[in-house]
């Protein structure tokens, strides 16, 4: 189930959405369709995974470039 939280002290960011996904035994996970659609991801699309002290961050290549 998706949960949305508004961050009033961070007006530069969109609301945070937290979604639990399951990782299959072979290491695959599926992003919900509404997230894929919102990010413009199609089958075979790419995401970059950044591991931080706080956890994982997933970004599209365009988001990663904008964040750099």
C-alpha atoms as a PDB file:
ATOM      1  CA  UNK A   1       0.000   0.000   0.000  1.00  0.00           C
ATOM      2  CA  UNK A   2       1.362   3.439  -0.863  1.00  0.00           C
ATOM      3  CA  UNK A   3       1.576   6.069   1.827  1.00  0.00           C
ATOM      4  CA  UNK A   4       2.017   9.767   1.149  1.00  0.00           C
ATOM      5  CA  UNK A   5       3.485  12.262   3.576  1.00  0.00           C
ATOM      6  CA  UNK A   6       3.690  16.003   2.955  1.00  0.00           C
ATOM      7  CA  UNK A   7       6.867  17.685   4.124  1.00  0.00           C
ATOM      8  CA  UNK A   8       5.857  21.281   4.885  1.00  0.00           C
ATOM      9  CA  UNK A   9       9.428  22.158   5.829  1.00  0.00           C
ATOM     10  CA  UNK A  10      10.719  20.977   2.420  1.00  0.00           C
ATOM     11  CA  UNK A  11       8.689  22.884  -0.219  1.00  0.00           C
ATOM     12  CA  UNK A  12      11.304  22.113  -2.882  1.00  0.00           C
ATOM     13  CA  UNK A  13      10.359  18.430  -2.887  1.00  0.00           C
ATOM     14  CA  UNK A  14       7.347  16.439  -3.982  1.00  0.00           C
ATOM     15  CA  UNK A  15       5.412  14.491  -1.350  1.00  0.00           C
ATOM     16  CA  UNK A  16       7.174  11.317  -0.261  1.00  0.00           C
ATOM     17  CA  UNK A  17       5.643   8.028  -1.326  1.00  0.00           C
ATOM     18  CA  UNK A  18       6.604   4.838   0.475  1.00  0.00           C
ATOM     19  CA  UNK A  19       5.799   1.512  -1.170  1.00  0.00           C
ATOM     20  CA  UNK A  20       6.751  -1.959   0.004  1.00  0.00           C
ATOM     21  CA  UNK A  21       7.850  -4.301  -2.779  1.00  0.00           C
ATOM     22  CA  UNK A  22       8.820  -7.958  -2.651  1.00  0.00           C
ATOM     23  CA  UNK A  23      12.156  -9.241  -3.904  1.00  0.00           C
ATOM     24  CA  UNK A  24      11.875 -12.592  -5.659  1.00  0.00           C
ATOM     25  CA  UNK A  25      14.325 -15.427  -4.917  1.00  0.00           C
ATOM     26  CA  UNK A  26      16.282 -14.481  -8.058  1.00  0.00           C
ATOM     27  CA  UNK A  27      16.636 -10.854  -6.886  1.00  0.00           C
ATOM     28  CA  UNK A  28      13.947  -9.161  -8.986  1.00  0.00           C
ATOM     29  CA  UNK A  29      11.458  -6.614  -7.719  1.00  0.00           C
ATOM     30  CA  UNK A  30       8.539  -4.943  -9.429  1.00  0.00           C
ATOM     31  CA  UNK A  31       7.715  -1.262  -9.221  1.00  0.00           C
ATOM     32  CA  UNK A  32       3.992  -0.540  -9.067  1.00  0.00           C
ATOM     33  CA  UNK A  33       2.452   0.553 -12.373  1.00  0.00           C
ATOM     34  CA  UNK A  34       1.478   4.026 -11.142  1.00  0.00           C
ATOM     35  CA  UNK A  35       5.097   4.798 -10.197  1.00  0.00           C
ATOM     36  CA  UNK A  36       6.426   3.464 -13.519  1.00  0.00           C
ATOM     37  CA  UNK A  37       3.862   5.571 -15.380  1.00  0.00           C
ATOM     38  CA  UNK A  38       4.627   8.734 -13.390  1.00  0.00           C
ATOM     39  CA  UNK A  39       8.376   8.320 -14.024  1.00  0.00           C
ATOM     40  CA  UNK A  40       7.949   7.387 -17.684  1.00  0.00           C
ATOM     41  CA  UNK A  41       9.521   3.957 -17.208  1.00  0.00           C
ATOM     42  CA  UNK A  42       8.724   1.185 -19.641  1.00  0.00           C
ATOM     43  CA  UNK A  43       9.829  -2.429 -19.785  1.00  0.00           C
ATOM     44  CA  UNK A  44      13.603  -2.493 -20.068  1.00  0.00           C
ATOM     45  CA  UNK A  45      13.882   1.010 -18.550  1.00  0.00           C
ATOM     46  CA  UNK A  46      16.828   1.820 -16.304  1.00  0.00           C
ATOM     47  CA  UNK A  47      17.062   2.938 -12.689  1.00  0.00           C
ATOM     48  CA  UNK A  48      20.195   3.805 -10.773  1.00  0.00           C
ATOM     49  CA  UNK A  49      20.491   2.565  -7.188  1.00  0.00           C
ATOM     50  CA  UNK A  50      22.531   4.584  -4.729  1.00  0.00           C
ATOM     51  CA  UNK A  51      23.383   3.028  -1.380  1.00  0.00           C
ATOM     52  CA  UNK A  52      23.668   5.592   1.416  1.00  0.00           C
ATOM     53  CA  UNK A  53      24.024   5.406   5.184  1.00  0.00           C
ATOM     54  CA  UNK A  54      20.242   5.941   5.373  1.00  0.00           C
ATOM     55  CA  UNK A  55      19.321   3.237   2.860  1.00  0.00           C
ATOM     56  CA  UNK A  56      18.764   2.954  -0.879  1.00  0.00           C
ATOM     57  CA  UNK A  57      17.821   5.702  -3.317  1.00  0.00           C
ATOM     58  CA  UNK A  58      16.409   4.787  -6.724  1.00  0.00           C
ATOM     59  CA  UNK A  59      16.650   7.407  -9.484  1.00  0.00           C
ATOM     60  CA  UNK A  60      16.016   7.495 -13.192  1.00  0.00           C
ATOM     61  CA  UNK A  61      19.109   8.435 -15.227  1.00  0.00           C
ATOM     62  CA  UNK A  62      17.562  11.901 -15.835  1.00  0.00           C
ATOM     63  CA  UNK A  63      17.028  12.386 -12.096  1.00  0.00           C
ATOM     64  CA  UNK A  64      20.613  11.327 -11.385  1.00  0.00           C
ATOM     65  CA  UNK A  65      21.955  13.891 -13.870  1.00  0.00           C
ATOM     66  CA  UNK A  66      19.745  16.629 -12.411  1.00  0.00           C
ATOM     67  CA  UNK A  67      20.882  15.682  -8.893  1.00  0.00           C
ATOM     68  CA  UNK A  68      24.621  15.752  -9.772  1.00  0.00           C
END
